[in-house]
Amino acid sequence: MSDKPLAGVRVLDLSRLLPGPYCSQLLAQLGAEVVRVEDATRPDGGDMMRASAPGSNRPSRFFDLVNGGKRSVGVDLNHEAGRTYLLRLIRTADVLIEGFRPGVMTRFGLDYESVQAQCPRLVYCSISGFGQSGPLAQAPSHDINYQSLTGVLGQTAAAGHAPVISSFQAGDLAGGSMMALSLILA
């Protein structure tokens, strides 16, 4: 038995890219068992970050960094059998993390209200860049969007030059990963 604080906690991570996977990586480092639920229909294995190392036949280092030590399962949520399988997994979980645009989990019948009725103890975390409702809810939400909208990019531009995009994804990490982690732990 592990002496880590989250030993015995099971997390299902349906998220992609950085905010959700980094959050679940931190949960894994605290002892949780993390199962990545990836899109079985994608040629890149379910997460485009797997293929971010061009010409490589293995996942990128970036993908490895935020997914090391996790198990992974491919599920096609477009079919009833995939949704049924995921619901069986959810019934064994303590935490679910998803990062789809608002409405996607509702379309699958796996939104908070639907799942909570069957699994009332489940901690359900939806990571969305602009919230679940409002004028930007369906807008693409990536760190560069946040840097632009908040004026950070304007601060990196020298007079007469284009802005410099930060290689540190502060919005994804601080606004996405760390806020999700703190709320899940609360």
C-alpha atoms as a PDB file:
ATOM      1  CA  MET A   1       0.000   0.000   0.000  1.00  0.00           C
ATOM      2  CA  SER A   2       1.260   3.442  -0.922  1.00  0.00           C
ATOM      3  CA  ASP A   3       1.809   6.105   1.690  1.00  0.00           C
ATOM      4  CA  LYS A   4       0.888   8.821  -0.804  1.00  0.00           C
ATOM      5  CA  PRO A   5      -2.197  10.880   0.129  1.00  0.00           C
ATOM      6  CA  LEU A   6      -4.321   9.870  -2.894  1.00  0.00           C
ATOM      7  CA  ALA A   7      -3.563   6.138  -2.795  1.00  0.00           C
ATOM      8  CA  GLY A   8      -6.767   4.272  -3.619  1.00  0.00           C
ATOM      9  CA  VAL A   9      -8.284   7.177  -5.570  1.00  0.00           C
ATOM     10  CA  ARG A  10      -9.168   6.446  -9.208  1.00  0.00           C
ATOM     11  CA  VAL A  11      -9.217   9.265 -11.777  1.00  0.00           C
ATOM     12  CA  LEU A  12     -10.611   9.066 -15.307  1.00  0.00           C
ATOM     13  CA  ASP A  13      -9.021  11.692 -17.542  1.00  0.00           C
ATOM     14  CA  LEU A  14     -10.839  12.415 -20.799  1.00  0.00           C
ATOM     15  CA  SER A  15      -8.890  15.631 -21.434  1.00  0.00           C
ATOM     16  CA  ARG A  16      -6.296  16.434 -24.093  1.00  0.00           C
ATOM     17  CA  LEU A  17      -3.281  18.685 -24.613  1.00  0.00           C
ATOM     18  CA  LEU A  18      -1.982  20.389 -21.418  1.00  0.00           C
ATOM     19  CA  PRO A  19      -4.397  21.592 -18.689  1.00  0.00           C
ATOM     20  CA  GLY A  20      -6.230  18.332 -17.922  1.00  0.00           C
ATOM     21  CA  PRO A  21      -3.332  15.927 -18.484  1.00  0.00           C
ATOM     22  CA  TYR A  22      -1.029  18.026 -16.287  1.00  0.00           C
ATOM     23  CA  CYS A  23      -3.696  18.186 -13.572  1.00  0.00           C
ATOM     24  CA  SER A  24      -4.140  14.401 -13.645  1.00  0.00           C
ATOM     25  CA  GLN A  25      -0.345  13.957 -13.704  1.00  0.00           C
ATOM     26  CA  LEU A  26      -0.158  15.870 -10.423  1.00  0.00           C
ATOM     27  CA  LEU A  27      -2.953  13.683  -9.018  1.00  0.00           C
ATOM     28  CA  ALA A  28      -0.960  10.591 -10.100  1.00  0.00           C
ATOM     29  CA  GLN A  29       2.131  11.943  -8.366  1.00  0.00           C
ATOM     30  CA  LEU A  30       0.015  12.241  -5.220  1.00  0.00           C
ATOM     31  CA  GLY A  31      -0.799   8.536  -5.512  1.00  0.00           C
ATOM     32  CA  ALA A  32      -4.016   8.410  -7.550  1.00  0.00           C
ATOM     33  CA  GLU A  33      -4.504   5.759 -10.212  1.00  0.00           C
ATOM     34  CA  VAL A  34      -5.126   7.688 -13.438  1.00  0.00           C
ATOM     35  CA  VAL A  35      -6.765   6.140 -16.481  1.00  0.00           C
ATOM     36  CA  ARG A  36      -6.639   8.219 -19.654  1.00  0.00           C
ATOM     37  CA  VAL A  37      -9.733   7.759 -21.784  1.00  0.00           C
ATOM     38  CA  GLU A  38      -8.673   8.568 -25.321  1.00  0.00           C
ATOM     39  CA  ASP A  39     -10.563   8.828 -28.604  1.00  0.00           C
ATOM     40  CA  ALA A  40     -10.234   5.434 -30.288  1.00  0.00           C
ATOM     41  CA  THR A  41     -11.191   6.924 -33.652  1.00  0.00           C
ATOM     42  CA  ARG A  42      -8.191   9.273 -33.969  1.00  0.00           C
ATOM     43  CA  PRO A  43      -5.192   8.167 -36.030  1.00  0.00           C
ATOM     44  CA  ASP A  44      -2.866   9.880 -33.524  1.00  0.00           C
ATOM     45  CA  GLY A  45      -3.946   7.533 -30.734  1.00  0.00           C
ATOM     46  CA  GLY A  46      -6.468   9.870 -29.158  1.00  0.00           C
ATOM     47  CA  ASP A  47      -4.394  12.927 -28.265  1.00  0.00           C
ATOM     48  CA  MET A  48      -2.661  15.120 -30.840  1.00  0.00           C
ATOM     49  CA  MET A  49       0.232  15.616 -28.404  1.00  0.00           C
ATOM     50  CA  ARG A  50       1.294  12.005 -29.033  1.00  0.00           C
ATOM     51  CA  ALA A  51       2.343  13.072 -32.518  1.00  0.00           C
ATOM     52  CA  SER A  52       3.974  16.384 -31.656  1.00  0.00           C
ATOM     53  CA  ALA A  53       7.399  14.873 -32.358  1.00  0.00           C
ATOM     54  CA  PRO A  54       7.396  14.961 -36.200  1.00  0.00           C
ATOM     55  CA  GLY A  55       8.892  11.937 -37.907  1.00  0.00           C
ATOM     56  CA  SER A  56       8.925   9.942 -34.707  1.00  0.00           C
ATOM     57  CA  ASN A  57       7.230   6.582 -34.279  1.00  0.00           C
ATOM     58  CA  ARG A  58       6.814   7.145 -30.546  1.00  0.00           C
ATOM     59  CA  PRO A  59       4.957   9.698 -28.419  1.00  0.00           C
ATOM     60  CA  SER A  60       6.563  13.085 -27.945  1.00  0.00           C
ATOM     61  CA  ARG A  61       8.528  13.952 -24.811  1.00  0.00           C
ATOM     62  CA  PHE A  62       5.859  16.515 -24.006  1.00  0.00           C
ATOM     63  CA  PHE A  63       3.200  13.799 -24.092  1.00  0.00           C
ATOM     64  CA  ASP A  64       5.407  11.558 -21.941  1.00  0.00           C
ATOM     65  CA  LEU A  65       5.948  14.312 -19.357  1.00  0.00           C
ATOM     66  CA  VAL A  66       2.260  14.825 -18.632  1.00  0.00           C
ATOM     67  CA  ASN A  67       1.151  11.207 -19.057  1.00  0.00           C
ATOM     68  CA  GLY A  68       3.872   9.095 -17.477  1.00  0.00           C
ATOM     69  CA  GLY A  69       2.588   6.420 -15.125  1.00  0.00           C
ATOM     70  CA  LYS A  70      -0.981   6.581 -16.387  1.00  0.00           C
ATOM     71  CA  ARG A  71      -2.914   3.760 -17.966  1.00  0.00           C
ATOM     72  CA  SER A  72      -4.734   4.443 -21.192  1.00  0.00           C
ATOM     73  CA  VAL A  73      -7.827   3.058 -22.886  1.00  0.00           C
ATOM     74  CA  GLY A  74      -9.292   3.996 -26.263  1.00  0.00           C
ATOM     75  CA  VAL A  75     -13.057   4.532 -26.406  1.00  0.00           C
ATOM     76  CA  ASP A  76     -15.318   5.619 -29.267  1.00  0.00           C
ATOM     77  CA  LEU A  77     -17.912   7.816 -27.568  1.00  0.00           C
ATOM     78  CA  ASN A  78     -19.789   8.237 -30.849  1.00  0.00           C
ATOM     79  CA  HIS A  79     -21.214   4.736 -30.404  1.00  0.00           C
ATOM     80  CA  GLU A  80     -23.524   3.483 -27.660  1.00  0.00           C
ATOM     81  CA  ALA A  81     -21.130   0.642 -26.791  1.00  0.00           C
ATOM     82  CA  GLY A  82     -18.349   3.161 -26.111  1.00  0.00           C
ATOM     83  CA  ARG A  83     -20.581   5.333 -23.932  1.00  0.00           C
ATOM     84  CA  THR A  84     -21.806   2.263 -22.029  1.00  0.00           C
ATOM     85  CA  TYR A  85     -18.216   1.146 -21.458  1.00  0.00           C
ATOM     86  CA  LEU A  86     -17.229   4.616 -20.233  1.00  0.00           C
ATOM     87  CA  LEU A  87     -20.185   4.701 -17.842  1.00  0.00           C
ATOM     88  CA  ARG A  88     -19.007   1.366 -16.385  1.00  0.00           C
ATOM     89  CA  LEU A  89     -15.557   2.938 -15.867  1.00  0.00           C
ATOM     90  CA  ILE A  90     -17.121   6.029 -14.299  1.00  0.00           C
ATOM     91  CA  ARG A  91     -18.915   3.862 -11.744  1.00  0.00           C
ATOM     92  CA  THR A  92     -15.485   2.674 -10.527  1.00  0.00           C
ATOM     93  CA  ALA A  93     -13.977   6.170 -10.386  1.00  0.00           C
ATOM     94  CA  ASP A  94     -13.685   8.842  -7.745  1.00  0.00           C
ATOM     95  CA  VAL A  95     -12.843  11.709 -10.122  1.00  0.00           C
ATOM     96  CA  LEU A  96     -13.619  12.458 -13.763  1.00  0.00           C
ATOM     97  CA  ILE A  97     -11.770  15.195 -15.665  1.00  0.00           C
ATOM     98  CA  GLU A  98     -12.973  16.347 -19.073  1.00  0.00           C
ATOM     99  CA  GLY A  99     -11.904  19.245 -21.238  1.00  0.00           C
ATOM    100  CA  PHE A 100     -14.357  19.230 -24.123  1.00  0.00           C
ATOM    101  CA  ARG A 101     -16.167  22.326 -25.279  1.00  0.00           C
ATOM    102  CA  PRO A 102     -19.406  22.884 -23.350  1.00  0.00           C
ATOM    103  CA  GLY A 103     -22.200  20.626 -24.572  1.00  0.00           C
ATOM    104  CA  VAL A 104     -20.080  17.717 -25.826  1.00  0.00           C
ATOM    105  CA  MET A 105     -20.540  15.573 -22.721  1.00  0.00           C
ATOM    106  CA  THR A 106     -24.266  16.417 -22.761  1.00  0.00           C
ATOM    107  CA  ARG A 107     -24.473  15.152 -26.348  1.00  0.00           C
ATOM    108  CA  PHE A 108     -22.925  11.874 -25.172  1.00  0.00           C
ATOM    109  CA  GLY A 109     -25.350  11.669 -22.221  1.00  0.00           C
ATOM    110  CA  LEU A 110     -22.367  11.872 -19.857  1.00  0.00           C
ATOM    111  CA  ASP A 111     -22.762  15.416 -18.544  1.00  0.00           C
ATOM    112  CA  TYR A 112     -22.533  16.172 -14.817  1.00  0.00           C
ATOM    113  CA  GLU A 113     -26.270  15.909 -14.155  1.00  0.00           C
ATOM    114  CA  SER A 114     -26.640  12.568 -15.975  1.00  0.00           C
ATOM    115  CA  VAL A 115     -23.574  10.992 -14.376  1.00  0.00           C
ATOM    116  CA  GLN A 116     -24.145  12.451 -10.907  1.00  0.00           C
ATOM    117  CA  ALA A 117     -27.584  10.837 -10.758  1.00  0.00           C
ATOM    118  CA  GLN A 118     -25.893   7.428 -11.072  1.00  0.00           C
ATOM    119  CA  CYS A 119     -22.617   8.220  -9.265  1.00  0.00           C
ATOM    120  CA  PRO A 120     -23.366  10.819  -6.571  1.00  0.00           C
ATOM    121  CA  ARG A 121     -19.924  10.585  -4.938  1.00  0.00           C
ATOM    122  CA  LEU A 122     -18.029  11.312  -8.193  1.00  0.00           C
ATOM    123  CA  VAL A 123     -16.011  14.533  -8.353  1.00  0.00           C
ATOM    124  CA  TYR A 124     -16.722  15.805 -11.896  1.00  0.00           C
ATOM    125  CA  CYS A 125     -14.300  18.410 -13.225  1.00  0.00           C
ATOM    126  CA  SER A 126     -14.981  20.199 -16.518  1.00  0.00           C
ATOM    127  CA  ILE A 127     -12.054  22.300 -17.706  1.00  0.00           C
ATOM    128  CA  SER A 128     -13.144  24.906 -20.235  1.00  0.00           C
ATOM    129  CA  GLY A 129     -11.280  28.023 -21.217  1.00  0.00           C
ATOM    130  CA  PHE A 130     -14.204  30.413 -21.154  1.00  0.00           C
ATOM    131  CA  GLY A 131     -16.686  28.658 -18.885  1.00  0.00           C
ATOM    132  CA  GLN A 132     -19.761  26.580 -19.581  1.00  0.00           C
ATOM    133  CA  SER A 133     -21.942  29.466 -20.769  1.00  0.00           C
ATOM    134  CA  GLY A 134     -21.566  32.996 -22.038  1.00  0.00           C
ATOM    135  CA  PRO A 135     -20.472  34.638 -25.270  1.00  0.00           C
ATOM    136  CA  LEU A 136     -17.079  32.869 -25.530  1.00  0.00           C
ATOM    137  CA  ALA A 137     -18.069  29.431 -24.191  1.00  0.00           C
ATOM    138  CA  GLN A 138     -17.744  27.788 -27.616  1.00  0.00           C
ATOM    139  CA  ALA A 139     -14.649  29.726 -28.693  1.00  0.00           C
ATOM    140  CA  PRO A 140     -11.332  27.923 -29.126  1.00  0.00           C
ATOM    141  CA  SER A 141      -9.515  28.206 -25.838  1.00  0.00           C
ATOM    142  CA  HIS A 142      -5.770  27.833 -25.935  1.00  0.00           C
ATOM    143  CA  ASP A 143      -3.064  29.703 -24.092  1.00  0.00           C
ATOM    144  CA  ILE A 144      -2.328  32.005 -27.033  1.00  0.00           C
ATOM    145  CA  ASN A 145      -5.983  33.120 -26.981  1.00  0.00           C
ATOM    146  CA  TYR A 146      -5.677  34.016 -23.296  1.00  0.00           C
ATOM    147  CA  GLN A 147      -2.395  35.871 -23.888  1.00  0.00           C
ATOM    148  CA  SER A 148      -4.066  37.894 -26.647  1.00  0.00           C
ATOM    149  CA  LEU A 149      -7.296  38.677 -24.806  1.00  0.00           C
ATOM    150  CA  THR A 150      -5.552  39.682 -21.573  1.00  0.00           C
ATOM    151  CA  GLY A 151      -3.016  41.942 -23.278  1.00  0.00           C
ATOM    152  CA  VAL A 152       0.014  39.829 -22.380  1.00  0.00           C
ATOM    153  CA  LEU A 153       1.055  39.600 -26.043  1.00  0.00           C
ATOM    154  CA  GLY A 154       0.981  43.386 -26.301  1.00  0.00           C
ATOM    155  CA  GLN A 155       3.487  43.600 -23.452  1.00  0.00           C
ATOM    156  CA  THR A 156       5.973  41.381 -25.282  1.00  0.00           C
ATOM    157  CA  ALA A 157       6.146  43.487 -28.447  1.00  0.00           C
ATOM    158  CA  ALA A 158       8.955  45.960 -28.938  1.00  0.00           C
ATOM    159  CA  ALA A 159       7.927  49.134 -30.747  1.00  0.00           C
ATOM    160  CA  GLY A 160       7.287  48.334 -34.392  1.00  0.00           C
ATOM    161  CA  HIS A 161       7.746  44.591 -33.940  1.00  0.00           C
ATOM    162  CA  ALA A 162       5.406  41.649 -33.674  1.00  0.00           C
ATOM    163  CA  PRO A 163       4.662  40.280 -30.214  1.00  0.00           C
ATOM    164  CA  VAL A 164       6.647  37.334 -28.908  1.00  0.00           C
ATOM    165  CA  ILE A 165       4.543  34.360 -27.890  1.00  0.00           C
ATOM    166  CA  SER A 166       5.612  33.031 -24.509  1.00  0.00           C
ATOM    167  CA  SER A 167       6.805  29.449 -24.409  1.00  0.00           C
ATOM    168  CA  PHE A 168       5.390  29.212 -20.881  1.00  0.00           C
ATOM    169  CA  GLN A 169       1.671  28.460 -20.990  1.00  0.00           C
ATOM    170  CA  ALA A 170       0.614  30.398 -17.916  1.00  0.00           C
ATOM    171  CA  GLY A 171      -3.112  30.387 -18.689  1.00  0.00           C
ATOM    172  CA  ASP A 172      -3.218  26.654 -19.346  1.00  0.00           C
ATOM    173  CA  LEU A 173      -1.195  25.823 -16.241  1.00  0.00           C
ATOM    174  CA  ALA A 174      -2.381  28.416 -13.713  1.00  0.00           C
ATOM    175  CA  GLY A 175      -5.934  28.895 -14.952  1.00  0.00           C
ATOM    176  CA  GLY A 176      -6.561  25.336 -16.145  1.00  0.00           C
ATOM    177  CA  SER A 177      -4.378  22.766 -14.407  1.00  0.00           C
ATOM    178  CA  MET A 178      -3.843  24.355 -11.012  1.00  0.00           C
ATOM    179  CA  MET A 179      -7.397  25.645 -10.545  1.00  0.00           C
ATOM    180  CA  ALA A 180      -8.770  22.210 -11.515  1.00  0.00           C
ATOM    181  CA  LEU A 181      -6.339  20.496  -9.140  1.00  0.00           C
ATOM    182  CA  SER A 182      -7.214  22.768  -6.221  1.00  0.00           C
ATOM    183  CA  LEU A 183     -10.954  22.334  -6.733  1.00  0.00           C
ATOM    184  CA  ILE A 184     -10.714  18.555  -7.141  1.00  0.00           C
ATOM    185  CA  LEU A 185      -8.693  18.288  -3.933  1.00  0.00           C
ATOM    186  CA  ALA A 186     -11.141  20.573  -2.094  1.00  0.00           C
END
